């Protein structure tokens, strides 16, 4: 099944260092949502990326196609709340996961 990197950008460059209480609550809902996706076997991994250029979030998912991957991000509570978060969904056409060989 195709693999996609879902990159979550915060509502401003200084996020999460200046996260508000409301944003903190949204991030808790966001974590619960993605933990569920991991338990269901849809997400391979998710979490923050401490990029020196600015923190962002990553979720690596298995999805039938890009539309299915985007559908996963659209129901993330931080997106549904319409508070300035956004996702980029990027295809990983040659991704190899545990238990696979490069020719699988």
N, C-alpha and C. Protein backbone atom coordinates (compact mmCIF):
# COMPACT_ATOMS: atom_id res chain seq x y z
N UNK A 1 0.86 -1.18 0.00
CA UNK A 1 0.00 0.00 0.00
C UNK A 1 0.89 1.24 0.00
N UNK A 2 0.51 2.29 -0.72
CA UNK A 2 1.32 3.51 -0.76
C UNK A 2 1.52 4.15 0.62
N UNK A 3 2.66 4.81 0.75
CA UNK A 3 3.05 5.48 1.99
C UNK A 3 3.11 6.99 1.73
N UNK A 4 2.60 7.76 2.70
CA UNK A 4 2.59 9.22 2.59
C UNK A 4 3.13 9.85 3.87
N UNK A 5 3.89 10.92 3.70
CA UNK A 5 4.33 11.75 4.83
C UNK A 5 3.36 12.92 4.91
N UNK A 6 2.73 13.05 6.06
CA UNK A 6 1.81 14.16 6.31
C UNK A 6 2.54 15.13 7.23
N UNK A 7 2.88 16.29 6.71
CA UNK A 7 3.65 17.29 7.46
C UNK A 7 2.69 18.36 7.97
N UNK A 8 2.63 18.48 9.30
CA UNK A 8 1.76 19.46 9.95
C UNK A 8 2.55 20.71 10.29
N UNK A 9 2.09 21.85 9.79
CA UNK A 9 2.68 23.15 10.14
C UNK A 9 1.77 23.85 11.12
N UNK A 10 2.37 24.48 12.12
CA UNK A 10 1.61 25.21 13.12
C UNK A 10 1.04 26.51 12.58
N UNK A 11 0.26 27.18 13.40
CA UNK A 11 -0.41 28.40 12.95
C UNK A 11 0.51 29.61 12.80
N UNK A 12 1.74 29.50 13.30
CA UNK A 12 2.70 30.61 13.19
C UNK A 12 4.11 30.04 13.39
N UNK A 13 5.13 30.74 12.93
CA UNK A 13 6.50 30.22 13.02
C UNK A 13 6.98 29.95 14.44
N UNK A 14 6.44 30.64 15.41
CA UNK A 14 6.89 30.48 16.80
C UNK A 14 6.18 29.34 17.54
N UNK A 15 5.24 28.68 16.88
CA UNK A 15 4.54 27.55 17.48
C UNK A 15 5.47 26.35 17.50
N UNK A 16 5.54 25.58 18.55
CA UNK A 16 4.72 25.49 19.74
C UNK A 16 5.26 26.25 20.95
N UNK A 17 6.36 27.00 20.78
CA UNK A 17 6.95 27.69 21.92
C UNK A 17 5.98 28.64 22.61
N UNK A 18 5.05 29.22 21.85
CA UNK A 18 4.10 30.17 22.41
C UNK A 18 2.66 29.65 22.33
N UNK A 19 2.51 28.33 22.47
CA UNK A 19 1.20 27.70 22.38
C UNK A 19 0.25 28.24 23.45
N UNK A 20 -0.95 28.55 23.05
CA UNK A 20 -1.98 29.00 24.00
C UNK A 20 -2.61 27.79 24.68
N UNK A 21 -3.37 28.03 25.73
CA UNK A 21 -4.08 26.94 26.41
C UNK A 21 -5.05 26.25 25.46
N UNK A 22 -5.75 27.02 24.64
CA UNK A 22 -6.69 26.44 23.67
C UNK A 22 -5.94 25.55 22.66
N UNK A 23 -4.79 26.03 22.18
CA UNK A 23 -4.00 25.24 21.24
C UNK A 23 -3.45 23.98 21.92
N UNK A 24 -3.09 24.11 23.19
CA UNK A 24 -2.62 22.94 23.93
C UNK A 24 -3.69 21.86 24.02
N UNK A 25 -4.92 22.28 24.27
CA UNK A 25 -6.03 21.33 24.32
C UNK A 25 -6.25 20.70 22.95
N UNK A 26 -6.15 21.48 21.89
CA UNK A 26 -6.28 20.94 20.53
C UNK A 26 -5.17 19.94 20.23
N UNK A 27 -3.96 20.24 20.68
CA UNK A 27 -2.85 19.33 20.44
C UNK A 27 -3.05 18.01 21.19
N UNK A 28 -3.69 18.06 22.35
CA UNK A 28 -4.01 16.81 23.06
C UNK A 28 -5.00 15.99 22.24
N UNK A 29 -6.02 16.63 21.68
CA UNK A 29 -6.99 15.93 20.83
C UNK A 29 -6.30 15.38 19.58
N UNK A 30 -5.39 16.15 19.02
CA UNK A 30 -4.60 15.74 17.86
C UNK A 30 -3.82 14.47 18.18
N UNK A 31 -3.16 14.44 19.34
CA UNK A 31 -2.37 13.26 19.73
C UNK A 31 -3.27 12.03 19.91
N UNK A 32 -4.42 12.21 20.52
CA UNK A 32 -5.36 11.10 20.70
C UNK A 32 -5.81 10.57 19.33
N UNK A 33 -6.11 11.49 18.41
CA UNK A 33 -6.53 11.09 17.07
C UNK A 33 -5.45 10.23 16.40
N UNK A 34 -4.19 10.71 16.40
CA UNK A 34 -3.13 9.97 15.72
C UNK A 34 -2.76 8.69 16.45
N UNK A 35 -2.88 8.65 17.76
CA UNK A 35 -2.65 7.39 18.48
C UNK A 35 -3.65 6.34 18.03
N UNK A 36 -4.87 6.77 17.79
CA UNK A 36 -5.89 5.86 17.27
C UNK A 36 -5.53 5.35 15.88
N UNK A 37 -4.98 6.22 15.06
CA UNK A 37 -4.57 5.80 13.72
C UNK A 37 -3.41 4.80 13.78
N UNK A 38 -2.52 4.96 14.75
CA UNK A 38 -1.43 4.00 14.94
C UNK A 38 -2.02 2.65 15.38
N UNK A 39 -2.92 2.68 16.36
CA UNK A 39 -3.55 1.43 16.84
C UNK A 39 -4.28 0.70 15.73
N UNK A 40 -4.91 1.45 14.82
CA UNK A 40 -5.65 0.84 13.72
C UNK A 40 -4.73 0.37 12.59
N UNK A 41 -3.45 0.67 12.67
CA UNK A 41 -2.50 0.24 11.66
C UNK A 41 -2.44 1.15 10.44
N UNK A 42 -3.09 2.30 10.52
CA UNK A 42 -3.08 3.25 9.40
C UNK A 42 -1.81 4.10 9.44
N UNK A 43 -1.49 4.64 10.61
CA UNK A 43 -0.28 5.45 10.77
C UNK A 43 0.86 4.54 11.22
N UNK A 44 2.00 4.72 10.61
CA UNK A 44 3.20 3.95 10.96
C UNK A 44 3.90 4.63 12.13
N UNK A 45 3.93 5.95 12.10
CA UNK A 45 4.59 6.75 13.14
C UNK A 45 4.01 8.16 13.08
N UNK A 46 4.01 8.84 14.22
CA UNK A 46 3.65 10.27 14.23
C UNK A 46 4.38 10.93 15.38
N UNK A 47 4.57 12.24 15.28
CA UNK A 47 5.19 12.99 16.37
C UNK A 47 5.82 14.27 15.87
N UNK A 48 6.33 15.07 16.81
CA UNK A 48 6.97 16.34 16.43
C UNK A 48 8.35 16.10 15.84
N UNK A 49 8.75 17.01 14.95
CA UNK A 49 10.07 17.00 14.35
C UNK A 49 10.77 18.28 14.80
N UNK A 50 11.89 18.14 15.50
CA UNK A 50 12.61 19.30 16.02
C UNK A 50 13.58 19.83 14.97
N UNK A 51 13.03 20.37 13.93
CA UNK A 51 13.79 20.95 12.83
C UNK A 51 14.36 22.29 13.29
N UNK A 52 15.67 22.54 13.12
CA UNK A 52 16.23 23.83 13.52
C UNK A 52 15.54 25.02 12.85
N UNK A 53 14.93 24.80 11.69
CA UNK A 53 14.23 25.88 11.00
C UNK A 53 12.84 26.14 11.57
N UNK A 54 12.38 25.25 12.44
CA UNK A 54 11.06 25.39 13.05
C UNK A 54 10.42 24.03 13.25
N UNK A 55 9.81 23.86 14.39
CA UNK A 55 9.17 22.59 14.74
C UNK A 55 7.98 22.33 13.83
N UNK A 56 7.82 21.08 13.40
CA UNK A 56 6.65 20.67 12.63
C UNK A 56 6.29 19.25 13.05
N UNK A 57 5.11 18.83 12.68
CA UNK A 57 4.65 17.50 13.04
C UNK A 57 4.67 16.58 11.84
N UNK A 58 4.90 15.30 12.10
CA UNK A 58 4.92 14.31 11.03
C UNK A 58 4.02 13.14 11.38
N UNK A 59 3.32 12.67 10.38
CA UNK A 59 2.61 11.40 10.46
C UNK A 59 2.92 10.67 9.16
N UNK A 60 3.39 9.45 9.27
CA UNK A 60 3.64 8.62 8.10
C UNK A 60 2.53 7.59 8.08
N UNK A 61 1.79 7.57 6.96
CA UNK A 61 0.60 6.73 6.89
C UNK A 61 0.62 5.84 5.65
N UNK A 62 -0.10 4.72 5.77
CA UNK A 62 -0.39 3.88 4.62
C UNK A 62 -1.81 4.22 4.19
N UNK A 63 -1.98 4.53 2.93
CA UNK A 63 -3.30 4.90 2.42
C UNK A 63 -3.42 4.45 0.98
N UNK A 64 -4.63 4.18 0.56
CA UNK A 64 -4.87 3.70 -0.80
C UNK A 64 -4.37 4.66 -1.86
N UNK A 65 -4.49 5.96 -1.58
CA UNK A 65 -4.04 6.98 -2.53
C UNK A 65 -3.91 8.30 -1.78
N UNK A 66 -3.48 9.34 -2.50
CA UNK A 66 -3.28 10.64 -1.87
C UNK A 66 -4.57 11.19 -1.29
N UNK A 67 -5.67 10.98 -1.97
CA UNK A 67 -6.97 11.47 -1.46
C UNK A 67 -7.29 10.83 -0.12
N UNK A 68 -7.01 9.56 0.05
CA UNK A 68 -7.26 8.88 1.33
C UNK A 68 -6.33 9.42 2.42
N UNK A 69 -5.08 9.70 2.06
CA UNK A 69 -4.15 10.29 3.03
C UNK A 69 -4.62 11.68 3.44
N UNK A 70 -5.04 12.47 2.48
CA UNK A 70 -5.55 13.82 2.77
C UNK A 70 -6.81 13.75 3.65
N UNK A 71 -7.64 12.76 3.40
CA UNK A 71 -8.86 12.61 4.21
C UNK A 71 -8.50 12.38 5.68
N UNK A 72 -7.41 11.66 5.94
CA UNK A 72 -6.96 11.45 7.33
C UNK A 72 -6.58 12.78 7.98
N UNK A 73 -5.93 13.65 7.23
CA UNK A 73 -5.49 14.92 7.81
C UNK A 73 -6.65 15.88 8.00
N UNK A 74 -7.64 15.81 7.12
CA UNK A 74 -8.76 16.76 7.18
C UNK A 74 -9.62 16.59 8.43
N UNK A 75 -9.63 15.41 9.01
CA UNK A 75 -10.43 15.19 10.22
C UNK A 75 -9.59 15.28 11.50
N UNK A 76 -8.31 15.60 11.37
CA UNK A 76 -7.47 15.85 12.54
C UNK A 76 -8.11 17.04 13.29
N UNK A 77 -8.28 16.93 14.60
CA UNK A 77 -8.91 18.03 15.35
C UNK A 77 -8.27 19.40 15.16
N UNK A 78 -6.96 19.46 14.94
CA UNK A 78 -6.34 20.78 14.75
C UNK A 78 -6.75 21.41 13.43
N UNK A 79 -7.06 20.59 12.44
CA UNK A 79 -7.53 21.11 11.15
C UNK A 79 -9.02 21.44 11.24
N UNK A 80 -9.78 20.53 11.83
CA UNK A 80 -11.23 20.75 11.96
C UNK A 80 -11.54 22.02 12.76
N UNK A 81 -10.65 22.39 13.69
CA UNK A 81 -10.86 23.58 14.51
C UNK A 81 -10.61 24.88 13.73
N UNK A 82 -9.98 24.78 12.56
CA UNK A 82 -9.73 25.95 11.73
C UNK A 82 -8.98 27.05 12.48
N UNK A 83 -7.84 26.66 13.07
CA UNK A 83 -7.03 27.60 13.86
C UNK A 83 -5.68 27.91 13.21
N UNK A 84 -5.59 27.70 11.89
CA UNK A 84 -4.38 28.08 11.18
C UNK A 84 -3.35 26.98 10.97
N UNK A 85 -3.63 25.76 11.42
CA UNK A 85 -2.74 24.64 11.16
C UNK A 85 -2.97 24.19 9.71
N UNK A 86 -1.95 23.55 9.12
CA UNK A 86 -2.13 23.02 7.77
C UNK A 86 -1.23 21.81 7.55
N UNK A 87 -1.64 20.96 6.66
CA UNK A 87 -0.88 19.77 6.30
C UNK A 87 -0.40 19.86 4.86
N UNK A 88 0.79 19.34 4.63
CA UNK A 88 1.27 19.00 3.30
C UNK A 88 1.29 17.47 3.27
N UNK A 89 0.76 16.88 2.23
CA UNK A 89 0.75 15.43 2.09
C UNK A 89 1.69 15.08 0.94
N UNK A 90 2.72 14.31 1.26
CA UNK A 90 3.79 14.02 0.31
C UNK A 90 3.91 12.51 0.09
N UNK A 91 3.91 12.10 -1.16
CA UNK A 91 4.04 10.70 -1.55
C UNK A 91 5.48 10.22 -1.27
N UNK A 92 5.61 9.02 -0.74
CA UNK A 92 6.91 8.39 -0.53
C UNK A 92 6.94 7.13 -1.41
N UNK A 93 7.17 7.27 -2.71
CA UNK A 93 6.97 6.16 -3.65
C UNK A 93 7.91 4.97 -3.47
N UNK A 94 9.02 5.14 -2.80
CA UNK A 94 9.95 4.03 -2.62
C UNK A 94 10.18 3.72 -1.15
N UNK A 95 9.21 4.03 -0.32
CA UNK A 95 9.34 3.78 1.12
C UNK A 95 9.42 2.28 1.40
N UNK A 96 10.29 1.93 2.33
CA UNK A 96 10.43 0.55 2.78
C UNK A 96 10.12 0.54 4.27
N UNK A 97 9.23 -0.31 4.70
CA UNK A 97 8.86 -0.40 6.11
C UNK A 97 9.42 -1.68 6.70
N UNK A 98 9.39 -1.76 8.03
CA UNK A 98 9.85 -2.98 8.71
C UNK A 98 9.13 -4.19 8.15
N UNK A 99 9.85 -5.27 8.06
CA UNK A 99 9.25 -6.50 7.57
C UNK A 99 9.20 -6.59 6.06
N UNK A 100 9.64 -5.55 5.37
CA UNK A 100 9.67 -5.54 3.90
C UNK A 100 11.10 -5.60 3.44
N UNK A 101 11.27 -6.03 2.23
CA UNK A 101 12.57 -5.87 1.56
C UNK A 101 12.35 -4.80 0.50
N UNK A 102 13.43 -4.29 -0.03
CA UNK A 102 13.33 -3.24 -1.03
C UNK A 102 12.60 -3.70 -2.28
N UNK A 103 12.49 -4.99 -2.48
CA UNK A 103 11.80 -5.50 -3.68
C UNK A 103 10.39 -5.96 -3.38
N UNK A 104 9.91 -5.81 -2.13
CA UNK A 104 8.54 -6.23 -1.79
C UNK A 104 7.52 -5.38 -2.47
